[in-house]
Every structure is written in C-alpha cells, then in structure tokens.
Protein backbone atom coordinates (compact mmCIF):
# COMPACT_ATOMS: atom_id res chain seq x y z
CA MET A 1 -1.81 -3.27 16.51
CA THR A 2 -4.40 -0.96 14.98
CA ILE A 3 -5.07 -0.95 11.24
CA VAL A 4 -6.96 1.96 9.70
CA VAL A 5 -8.73 1.40 6.40
CA THR A 6 -9.75 4.64 4.72
CA GLY A 7 -12.54 4.67 2.18
CA ALA A 8 -14.22 1.86 4.12
CA THR A 9 -17.62 3.15 3.05
CA GLY A 10 -16.63 2.56 -0.58
CA GLN A 11 -16.51 -0.70 -2.47
CA LEU A 12 -12.82 -1.56 -2.21
CA GLY A 13 -12.31 -0.32 1.34
CA ARG A 14 -15.27 -2.27 2.62
CA LEU A 15 -13.91 -5.45 1.06
CA VAL A 16 -10.55 -4.88 2.75
CA VAL A 17 -12.22 -4.63 6.17
CA GLU A 18 -14.14 -7.82 5.43
CA ALA A 19 -10.91 -9.53 4.37
CA LEU A 20 -9.20 -8.53 7.62
CA LEU A 21 -12.11 -9.85 9.67
CA ASN A 22 -12.05 -13.09 7.68
CA ARG A 23 -8.36 -13.38 8.55
CA ASN A 24 -9.39 -13.30 12.22
CA VAL A 25 -7.96 -9.88 12.96
CA PRO A 26 -9.67 -8.80 16.20
CA ALA A 27 -12.42 -6.35 15.32
CA GLU A 28 -11.26 -3.85 17.93
CA GLN A 29 -7.90 -3.62 16.15
CA ILE A 30 -9.53 -2.43 12.92
CA VAL A 31 -10.65 1.14 12.22
CA ALA A 32 -13.09 1.48 9.32
CA ALA A 33 -13.09 5.12 8.28
CA GLY A 34 -15.22 6.90 5.71
CA ARG A 35 -17.75 9.60 5.03
CA ASN A 36 -21.08 7.78 5.17
CA LEU A 37 -20.99 5.78 8.38
CA ALA A 38 -24.46 4.39 7.78
CA LYS A 39 -22.87 2.15 5.15
CA ILE A 40 -20.61 0.50 7.71
CA ALA A 41 -22.91 0.35 10.71
CA ASP A 42 -22.71 -3.43 10.47
CA PHE A 43 -18.97 -3.25 11.14
CA ALA A 44 -19.61 -1.27 14.31
CA GLU A 45 -22.01 -4.01 15.43
CA GLN A 46 -19.14 -6.49 15.03
CA GLY A 47 -16.86 -4.41 17.23
CA VAL A 48 -14.90 -2.62 14.52
CA GLN A 49 -14.02 0.97 15.35
CA VAL A 50 -15.97 3.14 12.94
CA LEU A 51 -14.80 6.72 12.48
CA PRO A 52 -15.81 9.56 10.16
CA ILE A 53 -13.14 10.92 7.84
CA ASP A 54 -13.09 13.23 4.88
CA TYR A 55 -9.94 13.70 2.85
CA ASN A 56 -10.74 17.42 2.79
CA ASP A 57 -10.92 17.57 6.60
CA ALA A 58 -7.46 17.36 8.16
CA ASP A 59 -8.86 17.17 11.69
CA SER A 60 -10.85 14.04 10.86
CA LEU A 61 -7.72 12.41 9.44
CA HIS A 62 -5.67 13.26 12.52
CA GLN A 63 -8.38 11.79 14.75
CA ALA A 64 -8.58 8.57 12.74
CA PHE A 65 -4.82 8.03 12.53
CA LYS A 66 -3.72 9.02 16.02
CA ASP A 67 -3.35 5.46 17.36
CA ALA A 68 -2.70 3.67 14.07
CA GLU A 69 0.21 1.36 13.44
CA LYS A 70 -0.74 0.83 9.80
CA VAL A 71 -2.97 2.78 7.41
CA LEU A 72 -4.42 1.72 4.08
CA LEU A 73 -4.86 4.89 2.05
CA VAL A 74 -7.48 4.00 -0.54
CA SER A 75 -7.22 6.53 -3.34
CA GLY A 76 -10.03 9.08 -3.32
CA SER A 77 -12.86 9.04 -5.82
CA GLU A 78 -12.86 12.75 -6.66
CA VAL A 79 -10.65 12.86 -9.74
CA GLY A 80 -8.99 16.24 -10.00
CA GLN A 81 -8.92 16.81 -6.24
CA ARG A 82 -6.99 13.79 -5.09
CA ILE A 83 -3.46 15.18 -4.91
CA GLU A 84 -4.26 17.68 -2.18
CA GLN A 85 -6.58 15.23 -0.44
CA HIS A 86 -3.94 12.51 -0.36
CA ARG A 87 -1.31 14.95 0.87
CA LYS A 88 -3.52 15.82 3.83
CA ALA A 89 -3.84 12.13 4.65
CA ILE A 90 -0.08 11.58 4.33
CA ASP A 91 0.63 14.60 6.55
CA ALA A 92 -1.77 13.29 9.17
CA ALA A 93 -0.16 9.86 9.06
CA ARG A 94 3.32 11.35 9.46
CA GLU A 95 2.27 13.49 12.40
CA ALA A 96 0.63 10.47 14.03
CA GLY A 97 3.82 8.44 13.66
CA VAL A 98 2.13 5.72 11.63
CA GLY A 99 4.40 2.71 11.14
CA LEU A 100 3.35 1.96 7.57
CA ILE A 101 1.05 3.52 5.01
CA ALA A 102 -0.06 1.41 2.05
CA TYR A 103 -1.47 3.27 -0.94
CA THR A 104 -3.72 1.95 -3.72
CA SER A 105 -2.03 3.37 -6.81
CA ILE A 106 -2.31 2.41 -10.49
CA ALA A 107 -0.48 -0.25 -12.45
CA ASN A 108 2.88 0.74 -13.92
CA ALA A 109 2.67 4.17 -12.31
CA ASP A 110 6.37 4.73 -12.94
CA ARG A 111 5.98 4.58 -16.72
CA THR A 112 2.36 5.07 -17.74
CA GLY A 113 1.27 8.17 -19.62
CA MET A 114 -2.43 7.79 -18.79
CA GLN A 115 -4.11 10.97 -17.61
CA LEU A 116 -5.75 9.04 -14.78
CA ALA A 117 -2.31 8.14 -13.44
CA ALA A 118 -1.12 11.72 -12.84
CA GLU A 119 -2.66 12.02 -9.38
CA HIS A 120 -1.34 8.59 -8.41
CA GLN A 121 2.15 9.55 -9.56
CA ALA A 122 1.98 12.75 -7.51
CA THR A 123 0.79 10.81 -4.47
CA GLU A 124 3.61 8.29 -4.81
CA GLN A 125 6.06 11.19 -4.86
CA ALA A 126 4.42 12.74 -1.81
CA LEU A 127 4.91 9.44 0.02
CA ARG A 128 8.59 9.38 -0.94
CA ASP A 129 8.99 12.95 0.25
CA SER A 130 7.17 12.29 3.54
CA GLY A 131 9.80 10.05 5.10
CA LEU A 132 7.05 7.61 6.08
CA PRO A 133 7.50 3.86 5.58
CA PHE A 134 5.15 3.04 2.71
CA THR A 135 4.04 0.28 0.37
CA LEU A 136 2.61 0.80 -3.10
CA LEU A 137 -0.29 -1.38 -4.24
CA ARG A 138 -0.41 -0.60 -7.95
CA ASN A 139 -3.76 -1.96 -9.07
CA SER A 140 -4.68 -2.55 -12.69
CA TRP A 141 -8.33 -2.20 -13.82
CA TYR A 142 -11.27 -3.66 -11.94
CA LEU A 143 -13.13 -6.44 -13.74
CA GLU A 144 -16.25 -4.74 -12.44
CA ASN A 145 -15.50 -1.82 -14.78
CA TYR A 146 -16.69 -4.21 -17.49
CA THR A 147 -19.07 -6.63 -15.81
CA ASP A 148 -21.13 -3.81 -14.29
CA GLN A 149 -21.90 -2.73 -17.87
CA LEU A 150 -23.17 -6.15 -18.94
CA ALA A 151 -26.82 -5.15 -19.28
CA VAL A 152 -25.87 -2.27 -21.59
CA GLN A 153 -23.55 -4.51 -23.60
CA LEU A 154 -26.39 -6.96 -24.12
CA GLN A 155 -28.86 -4.22 -24.98
CA TYR A 156 -26.70 -2.87 -27.80
CA GLY A 157 -24.87 -6.06 -28.71
CA SER A 158 -21.51 -4.40 -28.37
CA VAL A 159 -18.62 -3.58 -26.09
CA LEU A 160 -17.36 -0.11 -26.92
CA GLY A 161 -13.87 1.23 -26.38
CA SER A 162 -10.68 2.63 -27.84
CA ALA A 163 -8.26 -0.04 -26.66
CA GLY A 164 -7.64 -1.72 -30.01
CA ASP A 165 -5.92 -5.06 -29.48
CA GLY A 166 -4.32 -3.97 -26.22
CA LYS A 167 -4.51 -6.33 -23.28
CA VAL A 168 -5.61 -5.39 -19.78
CA SER A 169 -4.80 -7.35 -16.62
CA ALA A 170 -8.09 -6.65 -14.86
CA ALA A 171 -8.97 -8.37 -11.58
CA THR A 172 -11.89 -8.28 -9.16
CA ARG A 173 -12.12 -5.78 -6.33
CA ALA A 174 -12.29 -8.71 -3.93
CA ASP A 175 -8.93 -10.01 -5.15
CA TYR A 176 -7.30 -6.60 -4.80
CA ALA A 177 -8.84 -6.26 -1.34
CA GLN A 178 -7.46 -9.61 -0.21
CA ALA A 179 -4.02 -8.60 -1.47
CA ALA A 180 -4.22 -5.33 0.48
CA ALA A 181 -5.23 -7.18 3.64
CA GLU A 182 -2.32 -9.56 3.23
CA VAL A 183 0.15 -6.70 2.91
CA LEU A 184 -1.29 -5.01 6.00
CA LEU A 185 -0.77 -8.19 8.00
CA ARG A 186 2.78 -8.86 6.84
CA ASP A 187 5.93 -7.52 8.46
CA ASP A 188 8.74 -5.76 6.61
CA GLN A 189 6.58 -4.25 3.87
CA ALA A 190 8.16 -0.80 3.81
CA GLY A 191 9.54 0.00 0.37
CA LYS A 192 7.66 -2.80 -1.38
CA VAL A 193 6.02 -2.05 -4.72
CA TYR A 194 3.42 -4.54 -5.91
CA GLU A 195 2.23 -4.52 -9.52
CA LEU A 196 -1.20 -6.10 -9.17
CA GLY A 197 -3.39 -7.54 -11.91
CA GLY A 198 -5.09 -10.66 -13.16
CA ASP A 199 -3.14 -13.69 -14.34
CA GLU A 200 -4.86 -13.84 -17.74
CA PRO A 201 -4.71 -10.50 -19.62
CA PHE A 202 -7.43 -10.03 -22.23
CA THR A 203 -8.46 -7.75 -25.05
CA LEU A 204 -11.86 -6.13 -25.24
CA SER A 205 -12.59 -8.48 -28.15
CA ASP A 206 -11.90 -11.36 -25.76
CA LEU A 207 -14.30 -9.76 -23.29
CA ALA A 208 -17.05 -9.48 -25.91
CA GLY A 209 -16.54 -13.13 -26.81
CA GLU A 210 -16.95 -14.23 -23.21
CA VAL A 211 -20.08 -12.09 -22.81
CA SER A 212 -21.51 -13.80 -25.89
CA ALA A 213 -20.62 -17.25 -24.59
CA ALA A 214 -22.00 -16.60 -21.12
CA THR A 215 -25.31 -15.09 -22.25
CA GLY A 216 -26.02 -16.65 -25.63
CA THR A 217 -26.43 -13.15 -27.05
CA PRO A 218 -24.04 -12.09 -29.83
CA VAL A 219 -21.83 -9.25 -28.58
CA LYS A 220 -18.94 -7.75 -30.53
CA TYR A 221 -16.21 -5.30 -29.65
CA GLN A 222 -16.49 -2.00 -31.49
CA ASP A 223 -13.24 -0.04 -31.49
CA LEU A 224 -13.77 3.72 -31.76
CA PRO A 225 -11.48 6.73 -32.06
CA ALA A 226 -10.91 8.11 -28.57
CA GLU A 227 -12.80 11.34 -29.29
CA GLN A 228 -15.83 9.42 -30.52
CA TYR A 229 -15.75 7.04 -27.56
CA ALA A 230 -15.57 9.97 -25.16
CA GLN A 231 -18.63 11.49 -26.80
CA VAL A 232 -20.51 8.21 -26.42
CA LEU A 233 -19.73 8.31 -22.71
CA VAL A 234 -20.87 11.93 -22.48
CA ASP A 235 -24.11 11.01 -24.25
CA ALA A 236 -24.55 8.25 -21.66
CA GLY A 237 -24.41 10.85 -18.89
CA LEU A 238 -20.77 11.05 -17.83
CA PRO A 239 -19.17 14.46 -17.26
CA GLU A 240 -17.11 15.53 -20.26
CA ALA A 241 -13.81 15.68 -18.38
CA TYR A 242 -14.24 12.22 -16.88
CA ALA A 243 -15.33 10.76 -20.21
CA ALA A 244 -12.12 12.09 -21.76
CA ILE A 245 -10.07 10.46 -19.02
CA LEU A 246 -11.75 7.09 -19.57
CA ALA A 247 -11.20 7.27 -23.32
CA ASP A 248 -7.58 8.18 -22.68
CA SER A 249 -7.32 5.17 -20.35
CA ASP A 250 -8.35 2.92 -23.23
CA LEU A 251 -5.51 4.39 -25.26
CA GLY A 252 -3.31 3.43 -22.33
CA ILE A 253 -4.60 -0.14 -22.56
CA ALA A 254 -3.72 -0.13 -26.25
CA ARG A 255 -0.13 0.82 -25.28
CA GLY A 256 0.04 -1.87 -22.60
CA ASP A 257 -0.09 0.52 -19.65
CA LEU A 258 -2.48 -1.71 -17.68
CA LEU A 259 -0.76 -4.97 -18.59
CA VAL A 260 0.76 -6.65 -15.53
CA THR A 261 2.96 -9.74 -15.70
CA SER A 262 4.50 -9.74 -12.20
CA GLY A 263 2.29 -12.44 -10.67
CA ASP A 264 2.18 -10.33 -7.50
CA LEU A 265 -1.58 -10.55 -7.06
CA SER A 266 -1.87 -14.32 -7.15
CA SER A 267 1.25 -14.59 -5.00
CA LEU A 268 -0.21 -12.35 -2.30
CA ILE A 269 -3.64 -14.00 -2.21
CA GLY A 270 -2.25 -17.52 -2.42
CA ARG A 271 -4.32 -18.64 -5.41
CA PRO A 272 -4.92 -17.69 -9.04
CA ALA A 273 -6.67 -14.40 -9.53
CA THR A 274 -10.32 -14.63 -10.55
CA PRO A 275 -10.34 -14.98 -14.36
CA MET A 276 -12.37 -12.66 -16.56
CA ARG A 277 -14.45 -15.58 -17.80
CA GLU A 278 -15.60 -16.45 -14.28
CA ALA A 279 -16.47 -12.83 -13.48
CA VAL A 280 -18.49 -12.50 -16.69
CA GLN A 281 -20.36 -15.73 -16.01
CA ALA A 282 -21.24 -14.55 -12.49
CA ALA A 283 -22.46 -11.20 -13.81
CA ALA A 284 -24.47 -12.94 -16.52
CA GLY A 285 -26.22 -15.00 -13.88
CA THR A 286 -27.14 -11.86 -12.01
CA VAL A 287 -28.51 -10.16 -15.13
CA SER A 288 -30.52 -13.28 -15.99
CA ALA A 289 -31.88 -13.47 -12.45
CA GLY A 290 -32.86 -9.80 -12.65
C-alpha cells in the first residue's frame, strides 16, 4: 500500500506524515509531496518517498499519484485558484486509478454560506463527478488561527472579530492530522463524510477570557462590524480580498457555520480533542519563554 500526502511541506500535511510514521506505517509506503522539498528533507532521511508536486503542474501530480492506493488531497493555500488546482489533482488521481482520495474540506460544507467555503464546495462536487472513491474530512477552524495571534492580543489587550456570540468548534492541526491519518489507514472509507471539530465549542469572548487567565493580562473581545474588521486586517498587512474573506468567515461563525457537534474528531483519534484552554496555555508559555 502506498499513501500519498499532498501539501506535505505545509503545516497540516507534515503533521499527517508524522502521524502515519508514528502509527508505524513503513516509511517506504508513504509519499510526502509538496513544493519546497527542503522542508521535508528529514522525511527522506527516514526513508519516506519525497516527491515534488505543484497543483498547477499536472505532470507532477501524475508522477506522484501513479502508484498510489490512497491520496490525501490537502486543500491548496492559494485562495481563488483552488478549484482548478484541485480538479487537476482529482483528474490525476482518477487516471492513476487511485483507490481512495480523502479531501480536507470545511465544516458543514453542504450548508454553509461562507465565502471561504465556495472552493471547497466546488471541489466536493468535482469529487462526486469524478467517479473516484472519496472521503470528505470537513475541518472546522484551527485553534492556531487564534493562538498564533496571542502576542498581538496581549499587545492590544483585545481579541478582534465579527463573530458576535457565535461558537466555533476549533481544534488543533495535530488533532485534524491524526484524524486524517486514521481515515487513511482504515478500510471501507469510500463515501464517508466526517464533520470534524473540537468537543468544546467556544465564543471569542470565551477565548479572550482564557487568554487573560493564562497570561495574567486583561484581554477582552471586541466585536466589530465586518467591514471595520476587514479594514483592521488590511491595516495589519493582509490583502484586501483575503481580509474580506476572513471577516465574512466570522459572520459565518456568528451563524453557527463552524459549529460541529458530531463527535467525529474525538471518535477518530480515540481521545477528547485538545481543548481551547490547553492550546491557549501552551501558546502563553511559548510567548512568555520568548
């Protein structure tokens, strides 16, 4: 059996490869594929097959998938270009006769109105149209979306957003990666749809409270109109289009679009998902150490 993990040079894909190795999958049965192979040279040293791929380069996808039994298609990072990129990957997988393709989609993709979900929805449809056996891993938000901003939150004493009192079922990348590895190692996964998220949904006010508790610095949640929040993100250096998408995603949180109650994540990984409080405390320790 050969398992191909795309996006292995990125944060989630790398964690999936590590999870497979930790599950004692023989290194030679794993293909770690990505654009910057220098980032995964350590995998090659462990015997993992390391191959260059680019979602814009069909030939590289065909080369990576030609002997694959299963492929994890980690969604691309280039928002606005992902539909065509993912279609190229799906076409390559179909032509290679891949036995299963698992795709990292977004939570509640079948009902969400978030702008960020549009490319995921189109990719899910492309998978249905392909005739390939596939599994959908519908991930909610990463906890790292928040904990990576801890230093800024402490600097200004606030968590900013447009989510109101909406709850988000965020989980760590490591938890999502372990769930993906589990699915790749299971039989009879074709047609499965997993709604993945943390066990303890929280509001951004809850997040601010945990940041305060973990650091001893008062931090409050400041809810902003979406247009104003988007402008704050632009002022912080984000491209205008991407800032608008993030602000729109907060409106999705307010509607409950990233709320997951399935229990699929903890079921797949065999333990409770990492709670927000624990992730904040770990990030606070890192900031203090820095």
